[in-house]
Protein backbone atom coordinates (compact mmCIF):
# COMPACT_ATOMS: atom_id res chain seq x y z
CA MET A 1 -117.74 1.11 14.51
CA ARG A 2 -116.82 2.09 18.04
CA LEU A 3 -116.83 -1.32 19.69
CA GLN A 4 -114.74 -3.27 17.19
CA PRO A 5 -112.95 -0.75 14.97
CA LEU A 6 -110.68 -3.38 13.41
CA LEU A 7 -113.24 -6.14 12.89
CA GLU A 8 -113.34 -6.25 9.12
CA GLU A 9 -116.33 -8.59 9.02
CA ALA A 10 -118.45 -5.90 10.71
CA TYR A 11 -117.39 -3.42 8.04
CA GLN A 12 -118.19 -5.97 5.33
CA SER A 13 -121.72 -6.40 6.65
CA LEU A 14 -122.35 -2.68 6.80
CA ILE A 15 -120.80 -2.03 3.37
CA ALA A 16 -122.97 -4.77 1.86
CA LEU A 17 -126.09 -3.37 3.53
CA LEU A 18 -125.37 0.17 2.33
CA GLY A 19 -124.82 -1.17 -1.17
CA ARG A 20 -128.16 -2.99 -1.15
CA LEU A 21 -129.84 0.21 0.01
CA GLY A 22 -128.31 2.13 -2.90
CA ARG A 23 -126.10 4.20 -0.59
CA ARG A 24 -122.90 3.62 -2.55
CA ALA A 25 -121.16 6.84 -1.51
CA GLU A 26 -121.56 5.92 2.15
CA ALA A 27 -120.35 2.38 1.49
CA GLU A 28 -117.27 3.74 -0.28
CA GLU A 29 -116.52 6.16 2.56
CA LEU A 30 -116.82 3.36 5.09
CA TYR A 31 -114.38 1.30 3.02
CA ARG A 32 -111.93 4.22 2.97
CA GLN A 33 -112.22 4.55 6.75
CA LEU A 34 -111.47 0.86 7.16
CA GLU A 35 -108.57 1.10 4.73
CA ARG A 36 -107.01 4.00 6.64
CA ARG A 37 -107.52 2.39 10.03
CA LEU A 38 -106.05 -0.98 9.04
CA ALA A 39 -103.07 0.71 7.39
CA SER A 40 -102.31 3.00 10.30
CA GLU A 41 -102.86 0.53 13.13
CA LEU A 42 -101.84 -2.80 11.61
CA GLY A 43 -99.96 -1.97 8.42
CA ILE A 44 -102.30 -4.08 6.27
CA ARG A 45 -104.91 -3.57 3.58
CA PRO A 46 -108.55 -4.71 3.64
CA LEU A 47 -109.31 -8.14 2.23
CA ASP A 48 -110.09 -8.41 -1.49
CA GLU A 49 -113.52 -9.68 -0.48
CA THR A 50 -114.25 -6.34 1.19
CA LEU A 51 -113.30 -4.42 -1.94
CA ARG A 52 -115.49 -6.73 -4.07
CA LEU A 53 -118.49 -5.68 -1.99
CA LEU A 54 -118.13 -2.27 -3.65
CA GLY A 55 -118.34 -3.91 -7.07
CA ARG A 56 -114.73 -3.17 -7.97
């Protein structure tokens, strides 16, 4: 995520792909990275839609 580190839609696509591949731990780590980055740089949380991609 070097080019667009705050583009949540890019994270959503990758999280969804990792989930389909059965790589849940990696998807969850990517979500946590997004969560930290959005909080520190913009003071916001990821969209609910992004969290739903993890099946939560």
